[in-house]
Amino acid sequence: MARVIERHGFSQRRACRLIGIDHSVLRYESKRLDDAPLRQRLRELAQQRRRFGYRRLGWLLVREGYRLNHKRLYRLYREEKLMVRRRRGRKRALGTRTPLPLPRLRDECLNEHAFLSLTEAREIITSWRHDYNCARPHSSLGTLTPSEFAKLQGDGPPEQAQGSAARPLAPPPQPGHNINPGLYA
């Protein structure tokens, strides 16, 4: 544009008219905010919660005080290449049954950790259960955590106050009561 104005001595308006654009395009200055801190936090959350998509990450960012709409969030999510990869199913022999999955527990906890002992497994699963019930927003609860939802409901059963994730199948072993002492060593 500057070449046309300089070479032919046209005014900005006339040069814009000849090219076919509005003269306000030349004077436009972007008002977009700096996205660097938001991008950094989005990457951190995506790294911590690898199975979360952009919507669930957005809920976490809103809870932390960031103000953003879904279009901006999705643009940043794509620009950072944070897409959740789909897992392919395993091929099974004909006639075999598939067990009923616990998809969130499996995807977000069991498949992410290698348990070296039963005690370590209990600690990690307890930590995941606490996160699931007390820190993670759920879309079915209006982006509230189960514990926040239970507090809002008020007079529900006492187990609802602790959340909705499954309880342990067996209590931890009592010291000195092991049937097989080598099992928990």
Protein backbone atom coordinates (compact mmCIF):
# COMPACT_ATOMS: atom_id res chain seq x y z
CA MET A 1 0.00 0.00 0.00
CA ALA A 2 2.79 2.40 0.93
CA ARG A 3 4.41 1.78 -2.48
CA VAL A 4 1.22 2.73 -4.34
CA ILE A 5 0.86 5.92 -2.30
CA GLU A 6 4.53 6.84 -2.71
CA ARG A 7 4.92 5.92 -6.38
CA HIS A 8 1.72 7.49 -7.69
CA GLY A 9 1.22 10.25 -5.14
CA PHE A 10 -2.25 9.06 -4.16
CA SER A 11 -3.89 9.78 -0.84
CA GLN A 12 -4.53 6.84 1.49
CA ARG A 13 -8.27 6.92 0.77
CA ARG A 14 -7.80 6.92 -2.99
CA ALA A 15 -5.16 4.16 -2.90
CA CYS A 16 -7.49 2.04 -0.75
CA ARG A 17 -10.38 2.65 -3.13
CA LEU A 18 -8.24 1.56 -6.11
CA ILE A 19 -7.16 -1.65 -4.36
CA GLY A 20 -10.68 -2.32 -3.12
CA ILE A 21 -10.27 -2.18 0.67
CA ASP A 22 -11.64 0.17 3.30
CA HIS A 23 -9.19 2.81 4.57
CA SER A 24 -9.87 1.77 8.19
CA VAL A 25 -7.93 -1.44 7.47
CA LEU A 26 -4.70 0.58 7.30
CA ARG A 27 -5.29 2.18 10.67
CA TYR A 28 -6.45 -0.96 12.49
CA GLU A 29 -4.55 -1.85 15.67
CA SER A 30 -5.20 -5.17 17.35
CA LYS A 31 -6.66 -5.02 20.87
CA ARG A 32 -5.96 -8.68 21.65
CA LEU A 33 -4.63 -9.25 25.17
CA ASP A 34 -1.33 -10.99 25.84
CA ASP A 35 -2.08 -14.72 25.92
CA ALA A 36 1.33 -15.86 27.24
CA PRO A 37 0.32 -16.48 30.91
CA LEU A 38 -2.93 -18.17 29.84
CA ARG A 39 -1.09 -20.34 27.29
CA GLN A 40 1.45 -21.35 29.94
CA ARG A 41 -1.23 -22.32 32.45
CA LEU A 42 -3.21 -24.18 29.76
CA ARG A 43 -0.09 -26.21 28.87
CA GLU A 44 0.57 -26.97 32.56
CA LEU A 45 -2.99 -28.15 33.15
CA ALA A 46 -2.96 -30.23 29.95
CA GLN A 47 0.26 -31.87 31.06
CA GLN A 48 -1.17 -32.68 34.52
CA ARG A 49 -4.49 -33.90 33.12
CA ARG A 50 -3.65 -35.53 29.83
CA ARG A 51 -7.10 -37.01 29.28
CA PHE A 52 -8.93 -33.66 29.62
CA GLY A 53 -10.20 -31.92 26.53
CA TYR A 54 -10.37 -28.17 26.01
CA ARG A 55 -13.77 -27.78 27.71
CA ARG A 56 -12.74 -29.41 30.97
CA LEU A 57 -9.44 -27.52 30.97
CA GLY A 58 -11.46 -24.34 30.39
CA TRP A 59 -13.57 -25.04 33.47
CA LEU A 60 -10.41 -25.37 35.54
CA LEU A 61 -9.05 -22.09 34.15
CA VAL A 62 -12.32 -20.28 34.94
CA ARG A 63 -12.15 -21.63 38.50
CA GLU A 64 -8.65 -20.13 38.75
CA GLY A 65 -9.97 -16.72 37.73
CA TYR A 66 -9.15 -16.54 34.01
CA ARG A 67 -11.78 -14.84 31.85
CA LEU A 68 -12.15 -16.44 28.44
CA ASN A 69 -14.84 -17.62 26.06
CA HIS A 70 -14.97 -21.00 24.34
CA LYS A 71 -13.73 -19.64 20.99
CA ARG A 72 -10.57 -18.14 22.49
CA LEU A 73 -9.99 -21.25 24.58
CA TYR A 74 -10.35 -23.57 21.58
CA ARG A 75 -8.05 -21.34 19.45
CA LEU A 76 -5.32 -21.46 22.10
CA TYR A 77 -5.84 -25.18 22.65
CA ARG A 78 -5.35 -25.86 18.92
CA GLU A 79 -2.40 -23.47 18.56
CA GLU A 80 -0.65 -25.24 21.43
CA LYS A 81 -1.40 -28.62 19.75
CA LEU A 82 -2.97 -30.04 22.91
CA MET A 83 -5.43 -32.45 21.29
CA VAL A 84 -6.44 -35.49 23.35
CA ARG A 85 -5.44 -38.59 21.47
CA ARG A 86 -8.03 -41.30 21.12
CA ARG A 87 -7.04 -44.76 22.19
CA ARG A 88 -7.65 -47.61 19.80
CA GLY A 89 -9.41 -50.67 21.13
CA ARG A 90 -7.60 -53.98 21.30
CA LYS A 91 -8.60 -56.77 18.97
CA ARG A 92 -10.25 -59.60 20.85
CA ALA A 93 -10.91 -63.18 19.92
CA LEU A 94 -14.40 -63.89 18.66
CA GLY A 95 -16.90 -64.75 21.35
CA THR A 96 -14.99 -63.16 24.24
CA ARG A 97 -16.77 -60.76 26.51
CA THR A 98 -15.46 -57.34 27.34
CA PRO A 99 -15.49 -56.44 31.03
CA LEU A 100 -17.49 -53.44 32.16
CA PRO A 101 -14.97 -50.63 32.12
CA LEU A 102 -14.44 -47.88 34.67
CA PRO A 103 -13.28 -45.48 31.95
CA ARG A 104 -12.23 -42.47 34.02
CA LEU A 105 -10.45 -44.45 36.71
CA ARG A 106 -8.76 -46.57 34.07
CA ASP A 107 -7.79 -43.74 31.69
CA GLU A 108 -6.77 -41.16 34.24
CA CYS A 109 -5.29 -43.24 37.02
CA LEU A 110 -4.63 -46.93 36.35
CA ASN A 111 -3.16 -46.50 32.85
CA GLU A 112 -0.98 -43.57 33.96
CA HIS A 113 0.82 -45.26 36.87
CA ALA A 114 2.88 -48.40 37.42
CA PHE A 115 2.14 -49.65 40.92
CA LEU A 116 5.06 -51.25 42.71
CA SER A 117 3.16 -52.29 45.83
CA LEU A 118 -0.37 -52.57 47.12
CA THR A 119 0.27 -49.69 49.53
CA GLU A 120 1.41 -47.43 46.70
CA ALA A 121 -1.63 -48.41 44.63
CA ARG A 122 -3.94 -47.55 47.53
CA GLU A 123 -2.25 -44.16 48.04
CA ILE A 124 -2.42 -43.21 44.35
CA ILE A 125 -6.04 -44.35 43.96
CA THR A 126 -7.03 -42.51 47.16
CA SER A 127 -5.34 -39.38 45.86
CA TRP A 128 -7.13 -39.75 42.49
CA ARG A 129 -10.47 -40.30 44.26
CA HIS A 130 -9.97 -37.14 46.34
CA ASP A 131 -9.11 -35.18 43.18
CA TYR A 132 -12.13 -36.65 41.36
CA ASN A 133 -14.51 -35.70 44.15
CA CYS A 134 -13.05 -32.46 45.50
CA ALA A 135 -11.05 -30.71 42.74
CA ARG A 136 -12.45 -31.78 39.39
CA PRO A 137 -15.53 -30.08 37.90
CA HIS A 138 -18.16 -32.38 36.37
CA SER A 139 -20.33 -31.33 33.44
CA SER A 140 -23.30 -33.32 34.74
CA LEU A 141 -23.19 -31.24 37.95
CA GLY A 142 -23.02 -27.88 36.19
CA THR A 143 -19.20 -27.75 36.41
CA LEU A 144 -19.26 -28.24 40.18
CA THR A 145 -17.22 -30.87 41.98
CA PRO A 146 -19.24 -33.68 43.60
CA SER A 147 -18.38 -32.39 47.08
CA GLU A 148 -19.54 -28.85 46.18
CA PHE A 149 -22.71 -30.28 44.69
CA ALA A 150 -23.37 -32.36 47.83
CA LYS A 151 -22.92 -29.27 50.02
CA LEU A 152 -25.43 -27.36 47.88
CA GLN A 153 -27.92 -30.24 48.14
CA GLY A 154 -27.59 -30.17 51.91
CA ASP A 155 -29.69 -33.05 53.24
CA GLY A 156 -28.43 -35.94 51.10
CA PRO A 157 -26.99 -39.21 52.41
CA PRO A 158 -23.68 -38.76 54.32
CA GLU A 159 -21.68 -40.71 51.71
CA GLN A 160 -22.57 -38.06 49.10
CA ALA A 161 -20.59 -35.44 51.01
CA GLN A 162 -17.45 -37.46 50.28
CA GLY A 163 -18.19 -37.64 46.53
CA SER A 164 -19.27 -40.23 44.03
CA ALA A 165 -16.15 -42.22 43.12
CA ALA A 166 -16.08 -45.89 44.09
CA ARG A 167 -14.94 -46.81 47.57
CA PRO A 168 -12.08 -49.29 48.14
CA LEU A 169 -13.13 -52.93 47.84
CA ALA A 170 -11.27 -54.03 50.96
CA PRO A 171 -9.98 -52.16 54.00
CA PRO A 172 -6.21 -51.83 54.38
CA PRO A 173 -4.60 -54.72 56.27
CA GLN A 174 -4.23 -54.31 60.02
CA PRO A 175 -0.66 -54.57 61.36
CA GLY A 176 0.04 -58.08 62.58
CA HIS A 177 -3.12 -59.58 61.02
CA ASN A 178 -1.71 -60.61 57.64
CA ILE A 179 -2.53 -64.15 56.61
CA ASN A 180 0.41 -64.09 54.20
CA PRO A 181 3.11 -61.73 55.57
CA GLY A 182 5.16 -61.93 52.34
CA LEU A 183 2.24 -60.57 50.31
CA TYR A 184 2.51 -56.99 51.63
CA ALA A 185 6.30 -56.79 51.99
